Amino acid sequence: MEQISQLPSDLPVENFTFEGRTVATVNICDLLAMLYPGYWSARRFLDIDYEASLAAVDAWCEAHGAYYYAAPRDEFSVSDAVGIAADRGLSVVVLEDLS
């Protein structure tokens, strides 16, 4: 499995072990707050283009060997996300609950 690339120290992560493989999970809200300082304050998120922010998240995932997992709440599964990332040889997954 690919090693966890150096993640920013101020980015909260939670490590999960799934079938003997450890994957760091990153909440999309934390990642967007890091990529766009002030994202949640003063409704700045309303001024950021969805396609541009998705491209920024994709670029971050590529740079950090991460898998981006998004699903509606009724289909959302951290264990599935961790398993998919691990099966792809990745050690980081960005999680987004679309609900």
N, C-alpha and C. Protein backbone atom coordinates (compact mmCIF):
# COMPACT_ATOMS: atom_id res chain seq x y z
N MET A 1 0.84 -1.19 0.00
CA MET A 1 0.00 0.00 0.00
C MET A 1 0.88 1.24 0.00
N GLU A 2 0.45 2.22 -0.74
CA GLU A 2 1.15 3.49 -0.83
C GLU A 2 1.19 4.14 0.55
N GLN A 3 2.33 4.68 0.91
CA GLN A 3 2.47 5.37 2.19
C GLN A 3 1.65 6.66 2.20
N ILE A 4 1.18 7.03 3.40
CA ILE A 4 0.50 8.30 3.54
C ILE A 4 1.50 9.40 3.24
N SER A 5 1.18 10.21 2.23
CA SER A 5 2.07 11.32 1.93
C SER A 5 1.97 12.32 3.08
N GLN A 6 2.91 13.21 3.12
CA GLN A 6 2.92 14.20 4.19
C GLN A 6 1.65 15.04 4.14
N LEU A 7 0.80 14.87 5.12
CA LEU A 7 -0.43 15.66 5.20
C LEU A 7 -0.17 16.89 6.04
N PRO A 8 -0.85 17.99 5.74
CA PRO A 8 -0.67 19.20 6.55
C PRO A 8 -0.97 18.90 8.02
N SER A 9 -0.13 19.39 8.90
CA SER A 9 -0.28 19.09 10.33
C SER A 9 -1.54 19.69 10.93
N ASP A 10 -2.09 20.73 10.30
CA ASP A 10 -3.30 21.35 10.84
C ASP A 10 -4.58 20.75 10.26
N LEU A 11 -4.46 19.70 9.45
CA LEU A 11 -5.62 19.03 8.87
C LEU A 11 -6.00 17.85 9.76
N PRO A 12 -7.18 17.90 10.38
CA PRO A 12 -7.59 16.79 11.24
C PRO A 12 -7.80 15.51 10.43
N VAL A 13 -7.26 14.42 10.91
CA VAL A 13 -7.46 13.12 10.27
C VAL A 13 -7.83 12.11 11.34
N GLU A 14 -8.51 11.07 10.92
CA GLU A 14 -8.80 9.95 11.80
C GLU A 14 -8.36 8.70 11.06
N ASN A 15 -7.57 7.87 11.72
CA ASN A 15 -7.08 6.65 11.11
C ASN A 15 -8.02 5.49 11.40
N PHE A 16 -8.30 4.72 10.37
CA PHE A 16 -9.11 3.51 10.49
C PHE A 16 -8.31 2.35 9.95
N THR A 17 -8.42 1.23 10.63
CA THR A 17 -7.79 0.01 10.14
C THR A 17 -8.88 -0.91 9.64
N PHE A 18 -8.75 -1.35 8.42
CA PHE A 18 -9.74 -2.20 7.77
C PHE A 18 -9.01 -3.37 7.15
N GLU A 19 -9.32 -4.57 7.63
CA GLU A 19 -8.67 -5.78 7.14
C GLU A 19 -7.15 -5.64 7.14
N GLY A 20 -6.63 -5.11 8.23
CA GLY A 20 -5.19 -4.98 8.41
C GLY A 20 -4.55 -3.81 7.69
N ARG A 21 -5.36 -2.97 7.04
CA ARG A 21 -4.82 -1.82 6.31
C ARG A 21 -5.30 -0.54 6.98
N THR A 22 -4.37 0.37 7.25
CA THR A 22 -4.72 1.63 7.89
C THR A 22 -4.85 2.73 6.85
N VAL A 23 -5.98 3.43 6.93
CA VAL A 23 -6.27 4.53 6.00
C VAL A 23 -6.64 5.74 6.84
N ALA A 24 -6.05 6.89 6.51
CA ALA A 24 -6.38 8.14 7.17
C ALA A 24 -7.60 8.74 6.48
N THR A 25 -8.61 9.14 7.27
CA THR A 25 -9.79 9.77 6.70
C THR A 25 -9.74 11.27 6.94
N VAL A 26 -10.17 12.01 5.92
CA VAL A 26 -10.20 13.47 5.98
C VAL A 26 -11.63 13.90 5.67
N ASN A 27 -12.22 14.71 6.53
CA ASN A 27 -13.56 15.22 6.30
C ASN A 27 -13.49 16.33 5.26
N ILE A 28 -14.39 16.29 4.28
CA ILE A 28 -14.39 17.29 3.21
C ILE A 28 -14.49 18.72 3.77
N CYS A 29 -15.24 18.89 4.85
CA CYS A 29 -15.39 20.23 5.44
C CYS A 29 -14.05 20.76 5.94
N ASP A 30 -13.26 19.89 6.56
CA ASP A 30 -11.94 20.29 7.04
C ASP A 30 -11.01 20.60 5.87
N LEU A 31 -11.10 19.80 4.81
CA LEU A 31 -10.24 20.03 3.65
C LEU A 31 -10.60 21.35 2.96
N LEU A 32 -11.90 21.61 2.77
CA LEU A 32 -12.30 22.86 2.14
C LEU A 32 -11.90 24.07 2.99
N ALA A 33 -11.99 23.94 4.31
CA ALA A 33 -11.58 25.03 5.19
C ALA A 33 -10.08 25.31 5.05
N MET A 34 -9.29 24.26 4.80
CA MET A 34 -7.85 24.44 4.61
C MET A 34 -7.56 25.02 3.22
N LEU A 35 -8.23 24.51 2.20
CA LEU A 35 -7.99 24.98 0.84
C LEU A 35 -8.49 26.40 0.61
N TYR A 36 -9.59 26.75 1.30
CA TYR A 36 -10.20 28.07 1.16
C TYR A 36 -10.37 28.69 2.54
N PRO A 37 -9.32 29.30 3.08
CA PRO A 37 -9.42 29.91 4.41
C PRO A 37 -10.65 30.82 4.49
N GLY A 38 -11.39 30.67 5.55
CA GLY A 38 -12.61 31.45 5.73
C GLY A 38 -13.80 30.89 4.99
N TYR A 39 -13.67 29.67 4.48
CA TYR A 39 -14.71 29.04 3.67
C TYR A 39 -16.08 29.06 4.33
N TRP A 40 -16.13 28.73 5.61
CA TRP A 40 -17.41 28.63 6.31
C TRP A 40 -17.86 29.94 6.92
N SER A 41 -16.95 30.89 7.09
CA SER A 41 -17.33 32.15 7.71
C SER A 41 -17.92 33.09 6.66
N ALA A 42 -18.85 33.88 7.09
CA ALA A 42 -19.49 34.89 6.24
C ALA A 42 -20.01 34.30 4.92
N ARG A 43 -20.40 33.04 4.97
CA ARG A 43 -20.97 32.36 3.79
C ARG A 43 -20.08 32.44 2.56
N ARG A 44 -18.77 32.42 2.77
CA ARG A 44 -17.85 32.50 1.64
C ARG A 44 -18.06 31.33 0.68
N PHE A 45 -18.52 30.19 1.21
CA PHE A 45 -18.73 29.02 0.36
C PHE A 45 -19.72 29.31 -0.77
N LEU A 46 -20.57 30.31 -0.59
CA LEU A 46 -21.52 30.67 -1.64
C LEU A 46 -20.84 31.37 -2.81
N ASP A 47 -19.65 31.92 -2.58
CA ASP A 47 -18.92 32.64 -3.61
C ASP A 47 -17.93 31.76 -4.37
N ILE A 48 -17.78 30.51 -3.95
CA ILE A 48 -16.80 29.63 -4.57
C ILE A 48 -17.51 28.70 -5.54
N ASP A 49 -17.05 28.68 -6.76
CA ASP A 49 -17.62 27.86 -7.81
C ASP A 49 -17.44 26.38 -7.48
N TYR A 50 -18.53 25.61 -7.63
CA TYR A 50 -18.49 24.18 -7.31
C TYR A 50 -17.44 23.44 -8.15
N GLU A 51 -17.42 23.71 -9.45
CA GLU A 51 -16.46 23.01 -10.31
C GLU A 51 -15.03 23.36 -9.95
N ALA A 52 -14.78 24.61 -9.60
CA ALA A 52 -13.43 25.01 -9.20
C ALA A 52 -13.03 24.35 -7.89
N SER A 53 -13.96 24.28 -6.94
CA SER A 53 -13.62 23.66 -5.66
C SER A 53 -13.44 22.15 -5.82
N LEU A 54 -14.24 21.52 -6.68
CA LEU A 54 -14.07 20.09 -6.94
C LEU A 54 -12.72 19.83 -7.61
N ALA A 55 -12.32 20.71 -8.52
CA ALA A 55 -11.01 20.57 -9.16
C ALA A 55 -9.89 20.73 -8.14
N ALA A 56 -10.06 21.64 -7.18
CA ALA A 56 -9.05 21.83 -6.13
C ALA A 56 -8.97 20.60 -5.24
N VAL A 57 -10.11 20.02 -4.90
CA VAL A 57 -10.13 18.80 -4.09
C VAL A 57 -9.47 17.65 -4.86
N ASP A 58 -9.82 17.50 -6.13
CA ASP A 58 -9.21 16.45 -6.95
C ASP A 58 -7.70 16.61 -7.04
N ALA A 59 -7.24 17.85 -7.22
CA ALA A 59 -5.80 18.11 -7.30
C ALA A 59 -5.12 17.77 -5.97
N TRP A 60 -5.78 18.13 -4.86
CA TRP A 60 -5.22 17.82 -3.55
C TRP A 60 -5.14 16.31 -3.37
N CYS A 61 -6.19 15.61 -3.76
CA CYS A 61 -6.20 14.14 -3.64
C CYS A 61 -5.07 13.53 -4.46
N GLU A 62 -4.89 14.01 -5.66
CA GLU A 62 -3.81 13.48 -6.50
C GLU A 62 -2.45 13.75 -5.88
N ALA A 63 -2.27 14.94 -5.36
CA ALA A 63 -0.98 15.32 -4.76
C ALA A 63 -0.68 14.54 -3.48
N HIS A 64 -1.73 14.08 -2.78
CA HIS A 64 -1.54 13.40 -1.50
C HIS A 64 -1.91 11.93 -1.54
N GLY A 65 -2.07 11.38 -2.72
CA GLY A 65 -2.38 9.96 -2.84
C GLY A 65 -3.67 9.59 -2.13
N ALA A 66 -4.69 10.41 -2.33
CA ALA A 66 -5.96 10.21 -1.62
C ALA A 66 -7.07 9.84 -2.58
N TYR A 67 -8.06 9.15 -2.05
CA TYR A 67 -9.27 8.79 -2.77
C TYR A 67 -10.40 9.69 -2.27
N TYR A 68 -11.21 10.21 -3.18
CA TYR A 68 -12.35 11.05 -2.81
C TYR A 68 -13.60 10.18 -2.83
N TYR A 69 -14.29 10.10 -1.70
CA TYR A 69 -15.50 9.29 -1.57
C TYR A 69 -16.66 10.19 -1.19
N ALA A 70 -17.72 10.16 -2.00
CA ALA A 70 -18.93 10.94 -1.73
C ALA A 70 -20.14 10.05 -1.97
N ALA A 71 -21.10 10.13 -1.06
CA ALA A 71 -22.33 9.34 -1.19
C ALA A 71 -23.42 9.99 -0.37
N PRO A 72 -24.69 9.79 -0.77
CA PRO A 72 -25.80 10.28 0.05
C PRO A 72 -25.79 9.56 1.40
N ARG A 73 -26.35 10.21 2.40
CA ARG A 73 -26.31 9.67 3.76
C ARG A 73 -26.79 8.22 3.86
N ASP A 74 -27.85 7.86 3.15
CA ASP A 74 -28.38 6.50 3.25
C ASP A 74 -27.49 5.46 2.58
N GLU A 75 -26.51 5.90 1.81
CA GLU A 75 -25.56 5.00 1.16
C GLU A 75 -24.14 5.19 1.67
N PHE A 76 -23.93 6.19 2.52
CA PHE A 76 -22.60 6.57 2.99
C PHE A 76 -22.06 5.53 3.97
N SER A 77 -20.82 5.11 3.75
CA SER A 77 -20.20 4.11 4.61
C SER A 77 -18.70 4.39 4.71
N VAL A 78 -18.27 4.74 5.91
CA VAL A 78 -16.84 4.98 6.12
C VAL A 78 -16.06 3.70 5.84
N SER A 79 -16.57 2.57 6.29
CA SER A 79 -15.84 1.32 6.05
C SER A 79 -15.73 1.01 4.56
N ASP A 80 -16.78 1.31 3.78
CA ASP A 80 -16.68 1.12 2.33
C ASP A 80 -15.63 2.05 1.75
N ALA A 81 -15.62 3.31 2.18
CA ALA A 81 -14.66 4.29 1.68
C ALA A 81 -13.23 3.86 1.99
N VAL A 82 -13.02 3.43 3.23
CA VAL A 82 -11.69 2.98 3.64
C VAL A 82 -11.30 1.74 2.85
N GLY A 83 -12.22 0.82 2.67
CA GLY A 83 -11.94 -0.40 1.90
C GLY A 83 -11.59 -0.11 0.46
N ILE A 84 -12.34 0.79 -0.18
CA ILE A 84 -12.06 1.16 -1.57
C ILE A 84 -10.68 1.79 -1.69
N ALA A 85 -10.39 2.74 -0.79
CA ALA A 85 -9.07 3.39 -0.82
C ALA A 85 -7.96 2.36 -0.65
N ALA A 86 -8.12 1.48 0.33
CA ALA A 86 -7.10 0.45 0.59
C ALA A 86 -6.96 -0.49 -0.61
N ASP A 87 -8.08 -0.88 -1.21
CA ASP A 87 -8.03 -1.76 -2.39
C ASP A 87 -7.31 -1.10 -3.56
N ARG A 88 -7.35 0.22 -3.61
CA ARG A 88 -6.65 0.96 -4.67
C ARG A 88 -5.21 1.26 -4.31
N GLY A 89 -4.80 0.79 -3.14
CA GLY A 89 -3.43 1.01 -2.70
C GLY A 89 -3.19 2.39 -2.13
N LEU A 90 -4.27 3.09 -1.73
CA LEU A 90 -4.15 4.44 -1.19
C LEU A 90 -4.31 4.41 0.32
N SER A 91 -3.70 5.36 0.99
CA SER A 91 -3.73 5.37 2.44
C SER A 91 -4.46 6.59 3.02
N VAL A 92 -5.13 7.35 2.14
CA VAL A 92 -5.90 8.52 2.56
C VAL A 92 -7.21 8.53 1.79
N VAL A 93 -8.30 8.87 2.48
CA VAL A 93 -9.59 9.04 1.81
C VAL A 93 -10.25 10.31 2.31
N VAL A 94 -10.76 11.10 1.38
CA VAL A 94 -11.53 12.31 1.71
C VAL A 94 -13.00 11.89 1.68
N LEU A 95 -13.71 12.16 2.78
CA LEU A 95 -15.09 11.73 2.94
C LEU A 95 -16.06 12.90 2.78
N GLU A 96 -17.11 12.68 1.95
CA GLU A 96 -18.15 13.68 1.82
C GLU A 96 -19.52 13.02 1.87
N ASP A 97 -20.29 13.38 2.88
CA ASP A 97 -21.68 12.95 3.00
C ASP A 97 -22.50 13.96 2.22
N LEU A 98 -23.15 13.52 1.15
CA LEU A 98 -23.86 14.42 0.25
C LEU A 98 -25.22 14.86 0.76
N SER A 99 -25.60 14.43 1.94
CA SER A 99 -26.91 14.81 2.46
C SER A 99 -26.92 16.19 3.05
